[in-house]
């Protein structure tokens, strides 16, 4: 067993329970969890700026980091003071228009302007607004902690079981996805099954919270798992387009923060929307 595998197993058996515990702390609308989301947004924006800056000259790094982290922070403030959580989309729009205005009044040459604006909008949307959907779950009155914990469980069980199936049974089905040739079809199937089993167990033990038919939980689990898989592949595309192997080196055995939360970022809005229609 190599060191990378050992580090990954330690994160799964130690890191995941710690994250779940933080999710289950309801104090002030899950303030500790929301702080973690804001910090993750800032670090993710830092890493993404590093990658995309190899393709074009961007706005100053500090400005994009601050603008990205402000979105989930503002989202939490709206939840804490009973304001409309949809205000965060207004903030995103205002931030993007603000950066457009800055470019209009400060640029001296314009061959880089389109990429500069587009990459900035991508970072704010990807690292700020999409990630903020996790925090939006804090708006659920009395059961927010359980819905947040379930989301983390579904995504990381998908990721971990996909990895396990991939290295043990998936060699013959690798190379089918160009952006991530080491991923296997067997791994993807295992990841979806891992989420389904986790979701159904959560439904069985917490029927008074995840009310209704187990088919609702089945649908929620499948949608979340598929979105998590797409999230993993999307980050691979971004890294490959910028010639990066890892987004950073902050997390042992996994790389940067983006390498660890890429699945969460894309799965977050899908999970939130699915929960809205199925449970809220």
Protein backbone atom coordinates (compact mmCIF):
# COMPACT_ATOMS: atom_id res chain seq x y z
CA UNK A 1 0.00 0.00 0.00
CA UNK A 2 1.61 3.27 -1.15
CA UNK A 3 1.72 6.49 0.87
CA UNK A 4 -0.90 8.20 -1.29
CA UNK A 5 -3.38 5.40 -0.58
CA UNK A 6 -2.66 5.55 3.15
CA UNK A 7 -3.20 9.33 3.21
CA UNK A 8 -6.46 8.95 1.32
CA UNK A 9 -7.69 6.28 3.75
CA UNK A 10 -6.78 8.47 6.73
CA UNK A 11 -8.76 11.35 5.26
CA UNK A 12 -11.73 9.03 4.73
CA UNK A 13 -11.71 7.40 8.18
CA UNK A 14 -10.67 10.47 10.19
CA UNK A 15 -11.37 13.54 8.09
CA UNK A 16 -14.87 12.59 6.97
CA UNK A 17 -16.22 11.91 10.51
CA UNK A 18 -14.76 15.25 11.67
CA UNK A 19 -16.46 17.09 8.80
CA UNK A 20 -19.75 15.31 9.52
CA UNK A 21 -19.45 16.30 13.19
CA UNK A 22 -18.97 19.96 12.21
CA UNK A 23 -22.03 19.69 9.97
CA UNK A 24 -24.13 18.43 12.87
CA UNK A 25 -23.36 21.43 15.09
CA UNK A 26 -26.46 23.64 14.69
CA UNK A 27 -25.19 26.67 16.65
CA UNK A 28 -26.20 29.95 14.93
CA UNK A 29 -27.31 28.33 11.68
CA UNK A 30 -24.28 26.03 11.45
CA UNK A 31 -21.80 28.88 11.79
CA UNK A 32 -18.71 26.65 11.97
CA UNK A 33 -19.67 24.86 8.80
CA UNK A 34 -20.36 28.15 7.03
CA UNK A 35 -16.97 29.51 8.12
CA UNK A 36 -15.42 26.42 6.53
CA UNK A 37 -17.39 27.10 3.32
CA UNK A 38 -16.18 30.73 3.20
CA UNK A 39 -12.55 29.70 3.78
CA UNK A 40 -12.86 26.96 1.15
CA UNK A 41 -14.21 29.51 -1.33
CA UNK A 42 -11.25 31.83 -0.70
CA UNK A 43 -8.64 29.07 -1.07
CA UNK A 44 -10.38 27.62 -4.12
CA UNK A 45 -10.40 31.05 -5.78
CA UNK A 46 -6.69 31.41 -4.96
CA UNK A 47 -5.90 28.07 -6.60
CA UNK A 48 -8.09 28.70 -9.62
CA UNK A 49 -6.56 32.15 -10.12
CA UNK A 50 -3.12 30.51 -10.10
CA UNK A 51 -4.18 28.08 -12.82
CA UNK A 52 -6.09 30.47 -15.07
CA UNK A 53 -3.44 33.19 -14.78
CA UNK A 54 -1.20 30.97 -16.93
CA UNK A 55 -3.70 31.45 -19.76
CA UNK A 56 -4.38 35.19 -19.43
CA UNK A 57 -3.60 38.23 -17.32
CA UNK A 58 -6.29 38.45 -14.65
CA UNK A 59 -7.47 41.01 -12.14
CA UNK A 60 -5.39 41.17 -8.93
CA UNK A 61 -5.57 37.91 -7.02
CA UNK A 62 -6.69 39.51 -3.74
CA UNK A 63 -9.70 41.13 -5.41
CA UNK A 64 -10.98 37.90 -6.91
CA UNK A 65 -10.39 35.95 -3.69
CA UNK A 66 -12.28 38.56 -1.68
CA UNK A 67 -15.14 38.75 -4.20
CA UNK A 68 -15.47 34.95 -4.29
CA UNK A 69 -15.47 34.47 -0.49
CA UNK A 70 -17.91 37.35 -0.07
CA UNK A 71 -20.67 35.39 -1.84
CA UNK A 72 -20.98 32.49 0.69
CA UNK A 73 -20.33 34.96 3.52
CA UNK A 74 -23.18 37.20 2.35
CA UNK A 75 -25.30 34.10 1.87
CA UNK A 76 -24.76 33.14 5.53
CA UNK A 77 -25.56 36.69 6.70
CA UNK A 78 -28.85 36.50 4.78
CA UNK A 79 -29.68 33.21 6.48
CA UNK A 80 -28.68 34.42 9.93
CA UNK A 81 -30.85 37.54 9.71
CA UNK A 82 -33.78 35.86 7.94
CA UNK A 83 -33.21 37.57 4.59
CA UNK A 84 -33.84 36.05 1.16
CA UNK A 85 -30.99 33.65 0.32
CA UNK A 86 -31.52 34.43 -3.36
CA UNK A 87 -29.85 37.79 -2.75
CA UNK A 88 -26.53 36.00 -3.33
CA UNK A 89 -27.23 35.81 -7.08
CA UNK A 90 -27.68 39.58 -7.06
CA UNK A 91 -24.28 39.94 -5.41
CA UNK A 92 -22.69 37.69 -8.05
CA UNK A 93 -24.18 39.78 -10.86
CA UNK A 94 -23.05 43.04 -9.24
CA UNK A 95 -19.53 41.70 -8.75
CA UNK A 96 -19.20 40.59 -12.37
CA UNK A 97 -20.56 43.92 -13.64
CA UNK A 98 -18.14 45.67 -11.28
CA UNK A 99 -15.14 43.86 -12.75
CA UNK A 100 -16.46 44.61 -16.26
CA UNK A 101 -16.61 48.30 -15.35
CA UNK A 102 -13.08 48.25 -13.95
CA UNK A 103 -11.81 46.75 -17.20
CA UNK A 104 -13.68 49.36 -19.24
CA UNK A 105 -12.10 52.28 -17.38
CA UNK A 106 -8.60 50.91 -16.73
CA UNK A 107 -7.59 48.79 -19.73
CA UNK A 108 -5.17 50.39 -22.19
CA UNK A 109 -5.09 47.46 -24.63
CA UNK A 110 -7.89 44.98 -25.16
CA UNK A 111 -6.49 41.76 -26.63
CA UNK A 112 -6.70 40.18 -23.15
CA UNK A 113 -9.99 41.73 -21.97
CA UNK A 114 -12.43 39.01 -23.06
CA UNK A 115 -10.46 36.25 -21.31
CA UNK A 116 -9.91 38.45 -18.27
CA UNK A 117 -13.62 39.07 -17.79
CA UNK A 118 -14.68 35.52 -18.68
CA UNK A 119 -12.14 33.86 -16.34
CA UNK A 120 -13.10 36.22 -13.52
CA UNK A 121 -16.79 35.41 -13.97
CA UNK A 122 -15.92 31.68 -14.00
CA UNK A 123 -13.98 31.89 -10.72
CA UNK A 124 -16.74 33.86 -8.98
CA UNK A 125 -19.47 31.51 -10.23
CA UNK A 126 -17.54 28.28 -9.63
CA UNK A 127 -15.70 29.02 -6.37
CA UNK A 128 -18.20 31.48 -4.89
CA UNK A 129 -21.78 31.11 -6.03
CA UNK A 130 -21.97 27.35 -6.66
CA UNK A 131 -20.19 26.57 -3.40
CA UNK A 132 -22.59 28.87 -1.55
CA UNK A 133 -25.42 26.41 -2.25
CA UNK A 134 -24.00 24.20 0.50
CA UNK A 135 -24.45 27.04 2.95
CA UNK A 136 -28.00 27.63 1.72
CA UNK A 137 -28.96 24.36 3.37
CA UNK A 138 -28.47 26.18 6.69
CA UNK A 139 -31.74 27.99 6.00
CA UNK A 140 -33.71 24.81 6.72
CA UNK A 141 -35.14 25.49 10.14
CA UNK A 142 -34.69 22.56 12.50
CA UNK A 143 -33.18 19.82 10.33
CA UNK A 144 -30.51 21.79 8.47
CA UNK A 145 -27.64 19.89 10.10
CA UNK A 146 -28.98 16.54 8.90
CA UNK A 147 -29.42 17.72 5.31
CA UNK A 148 -25.91 19.20 5.28
CA UNK A 149 -24.40 16.03 6.77
CA UNK A 150 -26.28 13.88 4.25
CA UNK A 151 -24.92 15.97 1.39
CA UNK A 152 -21.31 15.56 2.57
CA UNK A 153 -21.91 11.83 3.11
CA UNK A 154 -23.42 11.25 -0.35
CA UNK A 155 -20.64 13.09 -2.17
CA UNK A 156 -17.72 11.62 -0.29
CA UNK A 157 -19.12 8.08 -0.34
CA UNK A 158 -19.52 8.47 -4.10
CA UNK A 159 -15.94 9.70 -4.40
CA UNK A 160 -14.44 7.10 -2.07
CA UNK A 161 -16.34 4.06 -3.34
CA UNK A 162 -15.63 5.13 -6.94
CA UNK A 163 -11.93 5.24 -6.07
CA UNK A 164 -12.09 1.81 -4.39
CA UNK A 165 -14.00 0.16 -7.26
CA UNK A 166 -11.69 1.84 -9.75
CA UNK A 167 -8.44 0.52 -8.27
CA UNK A 168 -9.78 -2.96 -7.50
CA UNK A 169 -12.04 -3.77 -10.45
CA UNK A 170 -11.92 -0.95 -12.95
CA UNK A 171 -8.66 -1.37 -14.88
CA UNK A 172 -10.35 -2.73 -18.01
CA UNK A 173 -12.78 0.22 -18.18
CA UNK A 174 -10.26 3.02 -17.80
CA UNK A 175 -9.36 5.44 -20.56
CA UNK A 176 -12.94 6.03 -21.70
CA UNK A 177 -13.03 9.66 -20.50
CA UNK A 178 -10.35 11.77 -22.18
CA UNK A 179 -10.20 14.47 -19.49
CA UNK A 180 -9.46 11.88 -16.77
CA UNK A 181 -8.18 8.62 -18.32
CA UNK A 182 -7.39 7.03 -14.95
CA UNK A 183 -11.07 7.14 -13.99
CA UNK A 184 -13.06 4.01 -14.85
CA UNK A 185 -16.65 3.28 -15.78
CA UNK A 186 -16.72 0.64 -13.04
CA UNK A 187 -15.58 3.31 -10.59
CA UNK A 188 -18.41 5.63 -11.64
CA UNK A 189 -20.97 2.85 -11.19
CA UNK A 190 -19.51 2.01 -7.78
CA UNK A 191 -19.66 5.66 -6.76
CA UNK A 192 -23.35 5.93 -7.64
CA UNK A 193 -24.07 2.71 -5.75
CA UNK A 194 -22.12 4.02 -2.74
CA UNK A 195 -24.28 7.14 -2.65
CA UNK A 196 -27.49 5.11 -3.04
CA UNK A 197 -26.62 2.80 -0.14
CA UNK A 198 -25.62 5.75 2.05
CA UNK A 199 -28.79 7.64 1.22
CA UNK A 200 -31.08 4.71 1.88
CA UNK A 201 -29.37 4.01 5.21
CA UNK A 202 -29.89 7.66 6.16
CA UNK A 203 -33.55 7.37 5.18
CA UNK A 204 -33.94 4.16 7.22
CA UNK A 205 -32.43 5.60 10.42
CA UNK A 206 -33.91 9.11 10.10
CA UNK A 207 -37.35 8.55 8.58
CA UNK A 208 -38.80 11.38 10.65
CA UNK A 209 -36.44 13.83 8.93
CA UNK A 210 -36.22 12.46 5.38
CA UNK A 211 -39.95 11.88 5.20
CA UNK A 212 -41.76 10.06 2.44
CA UNK A 213 -40.99 7.18 0.12
CA UNK A 214 -37.45 5.73 -0.14
CA UNK A 215 -37.76 6.46 -3.87
CA UNK A 216 -37.30 10.14 -3.03
CA UNK A 217 -34.02 9.36 -1.31
CA UNK A 218 -33.02 7.09 -4.19
CA UNK A 219 -33.56 9.93 -6.66
CA UNK A 220 -31.72 12.43 -4.45
CA UNK A 221 -28.76 10.06 -4.08
CA UNK A 222 -28.48 9.32 -7.82
CA UNK A 223 -28.72 12.98 -8.84
CA UNK A 224 -26.14 14.01 -6.24
CA UNK A 225 -23.75 11.22 -7.24
CA UNK A 226 -23.98 12.02 -10.96
CA UNK A 227 -23.38 15.71 -10.26
CA UNK A 228 -20.40 14.82 -8.04
CA UNK A 229 -18.89 12.75 -10.86
CA UNK A 230 -19.33 15.63 -13.29
CA UNK A 231 -17.75 17.98 -10.74
CA UNK A 232 -14.67 15.76 -10.52
CA UNK A 233 -14.34 15.67 -14.31
CA UNK A 234 -14.90 19.42 -14.76
CA UNK A 235 -11.97 20.23 -12.49
CA UNK A 236 -9.85 17.76 -14.48
CA UNK A 237 -10.72 19.70 -17.63
CA UNK A 238 -9.71 23.00 -16.01
CA UNK A 239 -6.41 21.56 -14.76
CA UNK A 240 -5.58 19.97 -18.11
CA UNK A 241 -6.37 23.14 -20.02
CA UNK A 242 -3.92 24.99 -17.74
CA UNK A 243 -1.31 22.16 -17.65
CA UNK A 244 -1.66 21.54 -13.91
CA UNK A 245 -1.53 18.10 -12.28
CA UNK A 246 -2.97 19.32 -8.95
CA UNK A 247 -4.65 22.60 -8.08
CA UNK A 248 -2.34 22.95 -5.06
CA UNK A 249 -0.69 20.98 -2.27
CA UNK A 250 -2.58 21.94 0.87
CA UNK A 251 -4.16 18.50 1.52
CA UNK A 252 -1.87 15.44 1.83
CA UNK A 253 -2.66 12.72 -0.67
CA UNK A 254 -5.20 14.82 -2.57
CA UNK A 255 -3.52 18.02 -3.73
CA UNK A 256 -5.24 21.38 -3.40
CA UNK A 257 -8.55 22.36 -1.87
CA UNK A 258 -10.16 22.28 -5.33
CA UNK A 259 -8.99 18.70 -5.76
CA UNK A 260 -10.94 17.80 -2.63
CA UNK A 261 -14.11 19.86 -3.08
CA UNK A 262 -14.51 19.73 -6.88
CA UNK A 263 -17.29 17.15 -6.54
CA UNK A 264 -18.97 19.18 -3.79
CA UNK A 265 -18.99 22.36 -5.89
CA UNK A 266 -21.03 20.95 -8.77
CA UNK A 267 -23.14 18.64 -6.62
CA UNK A 268 -24.16 21.43 -4.21
CA UNK A 269 -26.70 23.24 -6.45
CA UNK A 270 -28.11 19.93 -7.75
CA UNK A 271 -28.56 18.61 -4.20
CA UNK A 272 -30.14 21.86 -3.04
CA UNK A 273 -32.58 21.98 -5.97
CA UNK A 274 -33.48 18.30 -5.52
CA UNK A 275 -34.02 18.79 -1.77
CA UNK A 276 -36.16 21.86 -2.47
CA UNK A 277 -38.58 19.85 -4.59
CA UNK A 278 -38.43 16.57 -2.68
CA UNK A 279 -38.25 17.61 0.97
CA UNK A 280 -38.66 21.37 1.56
